[in-house]
């Protein structure tokens, strides 16, 4: 049942998906620049400045940082924001968990 709901959602989704995921890493950054920015992002994240860290991690495409920020959003029940970051991080397991919860909600709504 859950798989069929997920398939139906994917079939009916717009071609570009429900979530804008065009926040691609800046390709002109050197490896050294990415490392420096990721360190700064990690410092900001550890200081609690999640939004600044998010912007940096999106800029660099740092998947571990994107996943950690996504986890923070998930903790605050901001599932769509978390899902976007998990998609950008190519973290299929965490994205699939959110898709599963969405499917459960839709299934429950369809039953009532």
PDB file of N, CA and C in Angstrom:
ATOM      1  N   UNK A   1       0.826  -1.194   0.000  1.00  0.00           N
ATOM      2  CA  UNK A   1       0.000   0.000   0.000  1.00  0.00           C
ATOM      3  C   UNK A   1       0.872   1.260   0.000  1.00  0.00           C
ATOM      4  N   UNK A   2       1.880   1.318   0.901  1.00  0.00           N
ATOM      5  CA  UNK A   2       2.731   2.495   0.997  1.00  0.00           C
ATOM      6  C   UNK A   2       3.525   2.716  -0.275  1.00  0.00           C
ATOM      7  N   UNK A   3       4.002   1.626  -0.879  1.00  0.00           N
ATOM      8  CA  UNK A   3       4.744   1.747  -2.125  1.00  0.00           C
ATOM      9  C   UNK A   3       3.860   2.279  -3.235  1.00  0.00           C
ATOM     10  N   UNK A   4       2.610   1.842  -3.282  1.00  0.00           N
ATOM     11  CA  UNK A   4       1.714   2.312  -4.332  1.00  0.00           C
ATOM     12  C   UNK A   4       1.398   3.798  -4.144  1.00  0.00           C
ATOM     13  N   UNK A   5       1.278   4.251  -2.907  1.00  0.00           N
ATOM     14  CA  UNK A   5       1.042   5.674  -2.645  1.00  0.00           C
ATOM     15  C   UNK A   5       2.248   6.483  -3.076  1.00  0.00           C
ATOM     16  N   UNK A   6       3.436   5.997  -2.740  1.00  0.00           N
ATOM     17  CA  UNK A   6       4.656   6.705  -3.135  1.00  0.00           C
ATOM     18  C   UNK A   6       4.770   6.765  -4.653  1.00  0.00           C
ATOM     19  N   UNK A   7       4.485   5.664  -5.325  1.00  0.00           N
ATOM     20  CA  UNK A   7       4.537   5.645  -6.785  1.00  0.00           C
ATOM     21  C   UNK A   7       3.542   6.635  -7.379  1.00  0.00           C
ATOM     22  N   UNK A   8       2.357   6.707  -6.782  1.00  0.00           N
ATOM     23  CA  UNK A   8       1.332   7.641  -7.264  1.00  0.00           C
ATOM     24  C   UNK A   8       1.782   9.081  -7.072  1.00  0.00           C
ATOM     25  N   UNK A   9       2.394   9.384  -5.934  1.00  0.00           N
ATOM     26  CA  UNK A   9       2.913  10.735  -5.681  1.00  0.00           C
ATOM     27  C   UNK A   9       3.974  11.075  -6.712  1.00  0.00           C
ATOM     28  N   UNK A  10       4.913  10.156  -6.940  1.00  0.00           N
ATOM     29  CA  UNK A  10       5.982  10.407  -7.900  1.00  0.00           C
ATOM     30  C   UNK A  10       5.435  10.575  -9.311  1.00  0.00           C
ATOM     31  N   UNK A  11       4.404   9.808  -9.652  1.00  0.00           N
ATOM     32  CA  UNK A  11       3.815   9.883 -10.989  1.00  0.00           C
ATOM     33  C   UNK A  11       3.138  11.235 -11.216  1.00  0.00           C
ATOM     34  N   UNK A  12       2.475  11.745 -10.182  1.00  0.00           N
ATOM     35  CA  UNK A  12       1.723  12.993 -10.319  1.00  0.00           C
ATOM     36  C   UNK A  12       2.548  14.238 -10.024  1.00  0.00           C
ATOM     37  N   UNK A  13       3.758  14.061  -9.537  1.00  0.00           N
ATOM     38  CA  UNK A  13       4.593  15.207  -9.190  1.00  0.00           C
ATOM     39  C   UNK A  13       4.948  15.995 -10.447  1.00  0.00           C
ATOM     40  N   UNK A  14       5.065  17.304 -10.318  1.00  0.00           N
ATOM     41  CA  UNK A  14       5.514  18.097 -11.455  1.00  0.00           C
ATOM     42  C   UNK A  14       6.893  17.603 -11.905  1.00  0.00           C
ATOM     43  N   UNK A  15       7.224  17.860 -13.156  1.00  0.00           N
ATOM     44  CA  UNK A  15       8.503  17.384 -13.682  1.00  0.00           C
ATOM     45  C   UNK A  15       9.686  17.856 -12.857  1.00  0.00           C
ATOM     46  N   UNK A  16       9.588  19.069 -12.331  1.00  0.00           N
ATOM     47  CA  UNK A  16      10.694  19.585 -11.532  1.00  0.00           C
ATOM     48  C   UNK A  16      10.525  19.279 -10.055  1.00  0.00           C
ATOM     49  N   UNK A  17       9.525  18.463  -9.692  1.00  0.00           N
ATOM     50  CA  UNK A  17       9.327  18.044  -8.312  1.00  0.00           C
ATOM     51  C   UNK A  17       8.547  19.071  -7.503  1.00  0.00           C
ATOM     52  N   UNK A  18       8.273  18.731  -6.274  1.00  0.00           N
ATOM     53  CA  UNK A  18       7.527  19.607  -5.382  1.00  0.00           C
ATOM     54  C   UNK A  18       8.441  20.604  -4.682  1.00  0.00           C
ATOM     55  N   UNK A  19       9.705  20.289  -4.631  1.00  0.00           N
ATOM     56  CA  UNK A  19      10.639  21.103  -3.865  1.00  0.00           C
ATOM     57  C   UNK A  19      11.697  21.658  -4.797  1.00  0.00           C
ATOM     58  N   UNK A  20      11.938  22.944  -4.699  1.00  0.00           N
ATOM     59  CA  UNK A  20      12.976  23.570  -5.505  1.00  0.00           C
ATOM     60  C   UNK A  20      14.326  23.090  -4.994  1.00  0.00           C
ATOM     61  N   UNK A  21      15.097  22.486  -5.877  1.00  0.00           N
ATOM     62  CA  UNK A  21      16.414  21.993  -5.486  1.00  0.00           C
ATOM     63  C   UNK A  21      17.492  22.517  -6.429  1.00  0.00           C
ATOM     64  N   UNK A  22      17.332  23.759  -6.851  1.00  0.00           N
ATOM     65  CA  UNK A  22      18.300  24.334  -7.771  1.00  0.00           C
ATOM     66  C   UNK A  22      19.444  25.019  -7.047  1.00  0.00           C
ATOM     67  N   UNK A  23      19.482  24.917  -5.747  1.00  0.00           N
ATOM     68  CA  UNK A  23      20.572  25.497  -4.976  1.00  0.00           C
ATOM     69  C   UNK A  23      21.802  24.612  -5.128  1.00  0.00           C
ATOM     70  N   UNK A  24      22.432  24.723  -6.270  1.00  0.00           N
ATOM     71  CA  UNK A  24      23.595  23.891  -6.546  1.00  0.00           C
ATOM     72  C   UNK A  24      24.865  24.556  -6.047  1.00  0.00           C
ATOM     73  N   UNK A  25      25.868  23.762  -5.720  1.00  0.00           N
ATOM     74  CA  UNK A  25      27.132  24.328  -5.269  1.00  0.00           C
ATOM     75  C   UNK A  25      27.746  25.226  -6.339  1.00  0.00           C
ATOM     76  N   UNK A  26      28.494  26.208  -5.886  1.00  0.00           N
ATOM     77  CA  UNK A  26      29.212  27.091  -6.804  1.00  0.00           C
ATOM     78  C   UNK A  26      30.382  26.310  -7.382  1.00  0.00           C
ATOM     79  N   UNK A  27      30.407  26.191  -8.703  1.00  0.00           N
ATOM     80  CA  UNK A  27      31.418  25.359  -9.351  1.00  0.00           C
ATOM     81  C   UNK A  27      32.783  26.039  -9.432  1.00  0.00           C
ATOM     82  N   UNK A  28      32.816  27.361  -9.305  1.00  0.00           N
ATOM     83  CA  UNK A  28      34.081  28.073  -9.472  1.00  0.00           C
ATOM     84  C   UNK A  28      34.936  28.095  -8.201  1.00  0.00           C
ATOM     85  N   UNK A  29      34.464  27.481  -7.128  1.00  0.00           N
ATOM     86  CA  UNK A  29      35.250  27.456  -5.893  1.00  0.00           C
ATOM     87  C   UNK A  29      36.362  26.428  -6.001  1.00  0.00           C
ATOM     88  N   UNK A  30      37.541  26.815  -5.553  1.00  0.00           N
ATOM     89  CA  UNK A  30      38.652  25.856  -5.499  1.00  0.00           C
ATOM     90  C   UNK A  30      38.465  24.937  -4.295  1.00  0.00           C
ATOM     91  N   UNK A  31      39.217  23.860  -4.281  1.00  0.00           N
ATOM     92  CA  UNK A  31      39.151  22.930  -3.137  1.00  0.00           C
ATOM     93  C   UNK A  31      39.511  23.645  -1.842  1.00  0.00           C
ATOM     94  N   UNK A  32      40.509  24.525  -1.902  1.00  0.00           N
ATOM     95  CA  UNK A  32      40.934  25.249  -0.705  1.00  0.00           C
ATOM     96  C   UNK A  32      39.831  26.181  -0.208  1.00  0.00           C
ATOM     97  N   UNK A  33      39.132  26.831  -1.138  1.00  0.00           N
ATOM     98  CA  UNK A  33      38.040  27.716  -0.756  1.00  0.00           C
ATOM     99  C   UNK A  33      36.905  26.926  -0.121  1.00  0.00           C
ATOM    100  N   UNK A  34      36.585  25.762  -0.701  1.00  0.00           N
ATOM    101  CA  UNK A  34      35.530  24.922  -0.139  1.00  0.00           C
ATOM    102  C   UNK A  34      35.886  24.476   1.277  1.00  0.00           C
ATOM    103  N   UNK A  35      37.122  24.060   1.476  1.00  0.00           N
ATOM    104  CA  UNK A  35      37.559  23.615   2.803  1.00  0.00           C
ATOM    105  C   UNK A  35      37.427  24.746   3.809  1.00  0.00           C
ATOM    106  N   UNK A  36      37.878  25.949   3.436  1.00  0.00           N
ATOM    107  CA  UNK A  36      37.802  27.092   4.346  1.00  0.00           C
ATOM    108  C   UNK A  36      36.349  27.437   4.657  1.00  0.00           C
ATOM    109  N   UNK A  37      35.503  27.445   3.634  1.00  0.00           N
ATOM    110  CA  UNK A  37      34.089  27.747   3.867  1.00  0.00           C
ATOM    111  C   UNK A  37      33.420  26.673   4.717  1.00  0.00           C
ATOM    112  N   UNK A  38      33.724  25.409   4.459  1.00  0.00           N
ATOM    113  CA  UNK A  38      33.131  24.327   5.256  1.00  0.00           C
ATOM    114  C   UNK A  38      33.553  24.423   6.711  1.00  0.00           C
ATOM    115  N   UNK A  39      34.805  24.789   6.962  1.00  0.00           N
ATOM    116  CA  UNK A  39      35.245  24.982   8.351  1.00  0.00           C
ATOM    117  C   UNK A  39      34.452  26.105   9.009  1.00  0.00           C
ATOM    118  N   UNK A  40      34.282  27.213   8.271  1.00  0.00           N
ATOM    119  CA  UNK A  40      33.500  28.330   8.794  1.00  0.00           C
ATOM    120  C   UNK A  40      32.056  27.887   9.044  1.00  0.00           C
ATOM    121  N   UNK A  41      31.492  27.120   8.105  1.00  0.00           N
ATOM    122  CA  UNK A  41      30.137  26.606   8.274  1.00  0.00           C
ATOM    123  C   UNK A  41      30.019  25.720   9.499  1.00  0.00           C
ATOM    124  N   UNK A  42      31.019  24.873   9.725  1.00  0.00           N
ATOM    125  CA  UNK A  42      31.004  24.000  10.904  1.00  0.00           C
ATOM    126  C   UNK A  42      31.065  24.813  12.194  1.00  0.00           C
ATOM    127  N   UNK A  43      31.871  25.862  12.193  1.00  0.00           N
ATOM    128  CA  UNK A  43      31.959  26.727  13.372  1.00  0.00           C
ATOM    129  C   UNK A  43      30.607  27.382  13.637  1.00  0.00           C
ATOM    130  N   UNK A  44      30.006  27.931  12.579  1.00  0.00           N
ATOM    131  CA  UNK A  44      28.698  28.572  12.723  1.00  0.00           C
ATOM    132  C   UNK A  44      27.644  27.574  13.194  1.00  0.00           C
ATOM    133  N   UNK A  45      27.661  26.378  12.621  1.00  0.00           N
ATOM    134  CA  UNK A  45      26.713  25.340  13.027  1.00  0.00           C
ATOM    135  C   UNK A  45      26.868  25.027  14.511  1.00  0.00           C
ATOM    136  N   UNK A  46      28.114  24.831  14.951  1.00  0.00           N
ATOM    137  CA  UNK A  46      28.373  24.502  16.358  1.00  0.00           C
ATOM    138  C   UNK A  46      28.016  25.645  17.297  1.00  0.00           C
ATOM    139  N   UNK A  47      28.034  26.885  16.785  1.00  0.00           N
ATOM    140  CA  UNK A  47      27.632  28.043  17.586  1.00  0.00           C
ATOM    141  C   UNK A  47      26.122  28.235  17.581  1.00  0.00           C
ATOM    142  N   UNK A  48      25.420  27.430  16.785  1.00  0.00           N
ATOM    143  CA  UNK A  48      23.961  27.525  16.736  1.00  0.00           C
ATOM    144  C   UNK A  48      23.426  28.399  15.622  1.00  0.00           C
ATOM    145  N   UNK A  49      24.299  28.931  14.782  1.00  0.00           N
ATOM    146  CA  UNK A  49      23.852  29.756  13.654  1.00  0.00           C
ATOM    147  C   UNK A  49      23.586  28.835  12.463  1.00  0.00           C
ATOM    148  N   UNK A  50      22.473  28.127  12.548  1.00  0.00           N
ATOM    149  CA  UNK A  50      22.132  27.085  11.582  1.00  0.00           C
ATOM    150  C   UNK A  50      21.893  27.675  10.199  1.00  0.00           C
ATOM    151  N   UNK A  51      21.239  28.828  10.126  1.00  0.00           N
ATOM    152  CA  UNK A  51      20.916  29.424   8.825  1.00  0.00           C
ATOM    153  C   UNK A  51      22.169  29.848   8.061  1.00  0.00           C
ATOM    154  N   UNK A  52      23.121  30.447   8.748  1.00  0.00           N
ATOM    155  CA  UNK A  52      24.369  30.833   8.071  1.00  0.00           C
ATOM    156  C   UNK A  52      25.139  29.598   7.630  1.00  0.00           C
ATOM    157  N   UNK A  53      25.161  28.594   8.474  1.00  0.00           N
ATOM    158  CA  UNK A  53      25.828  27.340   8.115  1.00  0.00           C
ATOM    159  C   UNK A  53      25.148  26.711   6.903  1.00  0.00           C
ATOM    160  N   UNK A  54      23.814  26.731   6.885  1.00  0.00           N
ATOM    161  CA  UNK A  54      23.066  26.176   5.752  1.00  0.00           C
ATOM    162  C   UNK A  54      23.465  26.850   4.447  1.00  0.00           C
ATOM    163  N   UNK A  55      23.527  28.188   4.462  1.00  0.00           N
ATOM    164  CA  UNK A  55      23.888  28.924   3.243  1.00  0.00           C
ATOM    165  C   UNK A  55      25.285  28.535   2.763  1.00  0.00           C
ATOM    166  N   UNK A  56      26.198  28.393   3.684  1.00  0.00           N
ATOM    167  CA  UNK A  56      27.568  28.007   3.309  1.00  0.00           C
ATOM    168  C   UNK A  56      27.583  26.592   2.743  1.00  0.00           C
ATOM    169  N   UNK A  57      26.921  25.671   3.419  1.00  0.00           N
ATOM    170  CA  UNK A  57      26.936  24.276   2.969  1.00  0.00           C
ATOM    171  C   UNK A  57      26.258  24.108   1.611  1.00  0.00           C
ATOM    172  N   UNK A  58      25.222  24.901   1.341  1.00  0.00           N
ATOM    173  CA  UNK A  58      24.606  24.861   0.016  1.00  0.00           C
ATOM    174  C   UNK A  58      25.595  25.385  -1.019  1.00  0.00           C
ATOM    175  N   UNK A  59      26.300  26.458  -0.679  1.00  0.00           N
ATOM    176  CA  UNK A  59      27.270  27.053  -1.601  1.00  0.00           C
ATOM    177  C   UNK A  59      28.375  26.068  -1.961  1.00  0.00           C
ATOM    178  N   UNK A  60      28.834  25.323  -0.965  1.00  0.00           N
ATOM    179  CA  UNK A  60      29.953  24.401  -1.207  1.00  0.00           C
ATOM    180  C   UNK A  60      29.495  23.004  -1.613  1.00  0.00           C
ATOM    181  N   UNK A  61      28.225  22.691  -1.371  1.00  0.00           N
ATOM    182  CA  UNK A  61      27.734  21.345  -1.666  1.00  0.00           C
ATOM    183  C   UNK A  61      28.206  20.311  -0.667  1.00  0.00           C
ATOM    184  N   UNK A  62      28.515  20.745   0.543  1.00  0.00           N
ATOM    185  CA  UNK A  62      29.046  19.869   1.589  1.00  0.00           C
ATOM    186  C   UNK A  62      27.925  18.986   2.142  1.00  0.00           C
ATOM    187  N   UNK A  63      27.891  17.738   1.696  1.00  0.00           N
ATOM    188  CA  UNK A  63      26.765  16.859   2.008  1.00  0.00           C
ATOM    189  C   UNK A  63      26.635  16.556   3.496  1.00  0.00           C
ATOM    190  N   UNK A  64      27.733  16.377   4.198  1.00  0.00           N
ATOM    191  CA  UNK A  64      27.630  16.102   5.637  1.00  0.00           C
ATOM    192  C   UNK A  64      27.013  17.294   6.361  1.00  0.00           C
ATOM    193  N   UNK A  65      27.438  18.493   6.003  1.00  0.00           N
ATOM    194  CA  UNK A  65      26.874  19.687   6.622  1.00  0.00           C
ATOM    195  C   UNK A  65      25.405  19.853   6.287  1.00  0.00           C
ATOM    196  N   UNK A  66      25.044  19.609   5.025  1.00  0.00           N
ATOM    197  CA  UNK A  66      23.638  19.692   4.621  1.00  0.00           C
ATOM    198  C   UNK A  66      22.787  18.694   5.392  1.00  0.00           C
ATOM    199  N   UNK A  67      23.320  17.503   5.590  1.00  0.00           N
ATOM    200  CA  UNK A  67      22.591  16.478   6.345  1.00  0.00           C
ATOM    201  C   UNK A  67      22.411  16.898   7.798  1.00  0.00           C
ATOM    202  N   UNK A  68      23.453  17.445   8.410  1.00  0.00           N
ATOM    203  CA  UNK A  68      23.346  17.873   9.814  1.00  0.00           C
ATOM    204  C   UNK A  68      22.336  19.006   9.980  1.00  0.00           C
ATOM    205  N   UNK A  69      22.337  19.953   9.031  1.00  0.00           N
ATOM    206  CA  UNK A  69      21.352  21.034   9.087  1.00  0.00           C
ATOM    207  C   UNK A  69      19.955  20.454   8.863  1.00  0.00           C
ATOM    208  N   UNK A  70      19.834  19.525   7.924  1.00  0.00           N
ATOM    209  CA  UNK A  70      18.546  18.851   7.704  1.00  0.00           C
ATOM    210  C   UNK A  70      18.057  18.156   8.957  1.00  0.00           C
ATOM    211  N   UNK A  71      18.964  17.525   9.679  1.00  0.00           N
ATOM    212  CA  UNK A  71      18.595  16.879  10.944  1.00  0.00           C
ATOM    213  C   UNK A  71      18.045  17.899  11.947  1.00  0.00           C
ATOM    214  N   UNK A  72      18.650  19.084  11.985  1.00  0.00           N
ATOM    215  CA  UNK A  72      18.154  20.137  12.892  1.00  0.00           C
ATOM    216  C   UNK A  72      16.737  20.549  12.514  1.00  0.00           C
ATOM    217  N   UNK A  73      16.497  20.700  11.206  1.00  0.00           N
ATOM    218  CA  UNK A  73      15.138  21.031  10.750  1.00  0.00           C
ATOM    219  C   UNK A  73      14.168  19.910  11.126  1.00  0.00           C
ATOM    220  N   UNK A  74      14.589  18.678  10.930  1.00  0.00           N
ATOM    221  CA  UNK A  74      13.723  17.541  11.257  1.00  0.00           C
ATOM    222  C   UNK A  74      13.395  17.532  12.748  1.00  0.00           C
ATOM    223  N   UNK A  75      14.365  17.859  13.592  1.00  0.00           N
ATOM    224  CA  UNK A  75      14.123  17.924  15.036  1.00  0.00           C
ATOM    225  C   UNK A  75      13.066  18.970  15.380  1.00  0.00           C
ATOM    226  N   UNK A  76      13.003  20.040  14.569  1.00  0.00           N
ATOM    227  CA  UNK A  76      12.029  21.113  14.800  1.00  0.00           C
ATOM    228  C   UNK A  76      10.734  20.881  14.013  1.00  0.00           C
ATOM    229  N   UNK A  77      10.553  19.654  13.500  1.00  0.00           N
ATOM    230  CA  UNK A  77       9.365  19.290  12.721  1.00  0.00           C
ATOM    231  C   UNK A  77       9.174  20.164  11.487  1.00  0.00           C
ATOM    232  N   UNK A  78      10.274  20.566  10.873  1.00  0.00           N
ATOM    233  CA  UNK A  78      10.240  21.301   9.611  1.00  0.00           C
ATOM    234  C   UNK A  78      10.672  20.329   8.513  1.00  0.00           C
ATOM    235  N   UNK A  79       9.791  19.369   8.266  1.00  0.00           N
ATOM    236  CA  UNK A  79      10.130  18.238   7.411  1.00  0.00           C
ATOM    237  C   UNK A  79      10.436  18.622   5.969  1.00  0.00           C
ATOM    238  N   UNK A  80       9.707  19.572   5.405  1.00  0.00           N
ATOM    239  CA  UNK A  80       9.974  19.941   4.013  1.00  0.00           C
ATOM    240  C   UNK A  80      11.330  20.623   3.857  1.00  0.00           C
ATOM    241  N   UNK A  81      11.696  21.474   4.820  1.00  0.00           N
ATOM    242  CA  UNK A  81      13.031  22.082   4.781  1.00  0.00           C
ATOM    243  C   UNK A  81      14.098  21.003   4.919  1.00  0.00           C
ATOM    244  N   UNK A  82      13.859  20.061   5.813  1.00  0.00           N
ATOM    245  CA  UNK A  82      14.801  18.957   6.010  1.00  0.00           C
ATOM    246  C   UNK A  82      14.910  18.129   4.735  1.00  0.00           C
ATOM    247  N   UNK A  83      13.780  17.836   4.125  1.00  0.00           N
ATOM    248  CA  UNK A  83      13.769  17.032   2.903  1.00  0.00           C
ATOM    249  C   UNK A  83      14.593  17.698   1.807  1.00  0.00           C
ATOM    250  N   UNK A  84      14.430  18.999   1.638  1.00  0.00           N
ATOM    251  CA  UNK A  84      15.196  19.722   0.617  1.00  0.00           C
ATOM    252  C   UNK A  84      16.698  19.526   0.847  1.00  0.00           C
ATOM    253  N   UNK A  85      17.136  19.663   2.084  1.00  0.00           N
ATOM    254  CA  UNK A  85      18.562  19.529   2.372  1.00  0.00           C
ATOM    255  C   UNK A  85      19.038  18.096   2.191  1.00  0.00           C
ATOM    256  N   UNK A  86      18.216  17.120   2.564  1.00  0.00           N
ATOM    257  CA  UNK A  86      18.596  15.721   2.354  1.00  0.00           C
ATOM    258  C   UNK A  86      18.715  15.411   0.866  1.00  0.00           C
ATOM    259  N   UNK A  87      17.839  16.005   0.060  1.00  0.00           N
ATOM    260  CA  UNK A  87      17.930  15.812  -1.391  1.00  0.00           C
ATOM    261  C   UNK A  87      19.203  16.444  -1.922  1.00  0.00           C
ATOM    262  N   UNK A  88      19.489  17.676  -1.497  1.00  0.00           N
ATOM    263  CA  UNK A  88      20.716  18.346  -1.934  1.00  0.00           C
ATOM    264  C   UNK A  88      21.962  17.579  -1.503  1.00  0.00           C
ATOM    265  N   UNK A  89      21.881  16.922  -0.339  1.00  0.00           N
ATOM    266  CA  UNK A  89      23.016  16.148   0.186  1.00  0.00           C
ATOM    267  C   UNK A  89      23.099  14.757  -0.438  1.00  0.00           C
ATOM    268  N   UNK A  90      22.116  14.415  -1.266  1.00  0.00           N
ATOM    269  CA  UNK A  90      22.037  13.075  -1.868  1.00  0.00           C
ATOM    270  C   UNK A  90      21.953  12.000  -0.791  1.00  0.00           C
ATOM    271  N   UNK A  91      21.243  12.336   0.299  1.00  0.00           N
ATOM    272  CA  UNK A  91      21.074  11.402   1.415  1.00  0.00           C
ATOM    273  C   UNK A  91      19.725  10.696   1.241  1.00  0.00           C
ATOM    274  N   UNK A  92      19.742   9.637   0.448  1.00  0.00           N
ATOM    275  CA  UNK A  92      18.526   8.918   0.080  1.00  0.00           C
ATOM    276  C   UNK A  92      17.813   8.320   1.294  1.00  0.00           C
ATOM    277  N   UNK A  93      18.550   7.772   2.235  1.00  0.00           N
ATOM    278  CA  UNK A  93      17.926   7.139   3.403  1.00  0.00           C
ATOM    279  C   UNK A  93      17.086   8.132   4.209  1.00  0.00           C
ATOM    280  N   UNK A  94      17.642   9.307   4.470  1.00  0.00           N
ATOM    281  CA  UNK A  94      16.909  10.290   5.276  1.00  0.00           C
ATOM    282  C   UNK A  94      15.757  10.888   4.477  1.00  0.00           C
ATOM    283  N   UNK A  95      15.963  11.105   3.179  1.00  0.00           N
ATOM    284  CA  UNK A  95      14.876  11.610   2.339  1.00  0.00           C
ATOM    285  C   UNK A  95      13.751  10.585   2.277  1.00  0.00           C
ATOM    286  N   UNK A  96      14.097   9.315   2.107  1.00  0.00           N
ATOM    287  CA  UNK A  96      13.078   8.267   2.035  1.00  0.00           C
ATOM    288  C   UNK A  96      12.257   8.181   3.321  1.00  0.00           C
ATOM    289  N   UNK A  97      12.881   8.428   4.468  1.00  0.00           N
ATOM    290  CA  UNK A  97      12.145   8.394   5.738  1.00  0.00           C
ATOM    291  C   UNK A  97      11.073   9.481   5.765  1.00  0.00           C
ATOM    292  N   UNK A  98      11.393  10.643   5.219  1.00  0.00           N
ATOM    293  CA  UNK A  98      10.404  11.724   5.181  1.00  0.00           C
ATOM    294  C   UNK A  98       9.320  11.398   4.161  1.00  0.00           C
ATOM    295  N   UNK A  99       9.715  10.867   3.004  1.00  0.00           N
ATOM    296  CA  UNK A  99       8.717  10.436   2.025  1.00  0.00           C
ATOM    297  C   UNK A  99       7.754   9.422   2.649  1.00  0.00           C
ATOM    298  N   UNK A 100       8.289   8.522   3.455  1.00  0.00           N
ATOM    299  CA  UNK A 100       7.460   7.504   4.113  1.00  0.00           C
ATOM    300  C   UNK A 100       6.430   8.158   5.034  1.00  0.00           C
ATOM    301  N   UNK A 101       6.869   9.154   5.815  1.00  0.00           N
ATOM    302  CA  UNK A 101       5.937   9.852   6.713  1.00  0.00           C
ATOM    303  C   UNK A 101       4.872  10.606   5.917  1.00  0.00           C
ATOM    304  N   UNK A 102       5.277  11.216   4.800  1.00  0.00           N
ATOM    305  CA  UNK A 102       4.313  11.915   3.951  1.00  0.00           C
ATOM    306  C   UNK A 102       3.284  10.921   3.418  1.00  0.00           C
ATOM    307  N   UNK A 103       3.762   9.759   2.971  1.00  0.00           N
ATOM    308  CA  UNK A 103       2.854   8.725   2.453  1.00  0.00           C
ATOM    309  C   UNK A 103       1.893   8.259   3.531  1.00  0.00           C
ATOM    310  N   UNK A 104       2.366   8.130   4.775  1.00  0.00           N
ATOM    311  CA  UNK A 104       1.494   7.712   5.869  1.00  0.00           C
ATOM    312  C   UNK A 104       0.411   8.750   6.137  1.00  0.00           C
ATOM    313  N   UNK A 105       0.785  10.024   6.080  1.00  0.00           N
ATOM    314  CA  UNK A 105      -0.196  11.085   6.300  1.00  0.00           C
ATOM    315  C   UNK A 105      -1.247  11.067   5.197  1.00  0.00           C
ATOM    316  N   UNK A 106      -0.800  10.955   3.964  1.00  0.00           N
ATOM    317  CA  UNK A 106      -1.741  10.932   2.840  1.00  0.00           C
ATOM    318  C   UNK A 106      -2.633   9.702   2.919  1.00  0.00           C
ATOM    319  N   UNK A 107      -2.052   8.577   3.262  1.00  0.00           N
ATOM    320  CA  UNK A 107      -2.833   7.346   3.416  1.00  0.00           C
ATOM    321  C   UNK A 107      -3.905   7.512   4.481  1.00  0.00           C
ATOM    322  N   UNK A 108      -3.532   8.120   5.597  1.00  0.00           N
ATOM    323  CA  UNK A 108      -4.497   8.365   6.665  1.00  0.00           C
ATOM    324  C   UNK A 108      -5.612   9.298   6.228  1.00  0.00           C
ATOM    325  N   UNK A 109      -5.250  10.318   5.454  1.00  0.00           N
ATOM    326  CA  UNK A 109      -6.265  11.237   4.961  1.00  0.00           C
ATOM    327  C   UNK A 109      -7.218  10.549   3.978  1.00  0.00           C
ATOM    328  N   UNK A 110      -6.663   9.677   3.159  1.00  0.00           N
ATOM    329  CA  UNK A 110      -7.498   8.976   2.183  1.00  0.00           C
ATOM    330  C   UNK A 110      -8.459   7.993   2.850  1.00  0.00           C
ATOM    331  N   UNK A 111      -8.049   7.440   3.976  1.00  0.00           N
ATOM    332  CA  UNK A 111      -8.892   6.495   4.702  1.00  0.00           C
ATOM    333  C   UNK A 111     -10.047   7.183   5.412  1.00  0.00           C
ATOM    334  N   UNK A 112      -9.845   8.448   5.789  1.00  0.00           N
ATOM    335  CA  UNK A 112     -10.904   9.145   6.539  1.00  0.00           C
ATOM    336  C   UNK A 112     -11.878   9.875   5.647  1.00  0.00           C
TER     337      UNK A 112
END
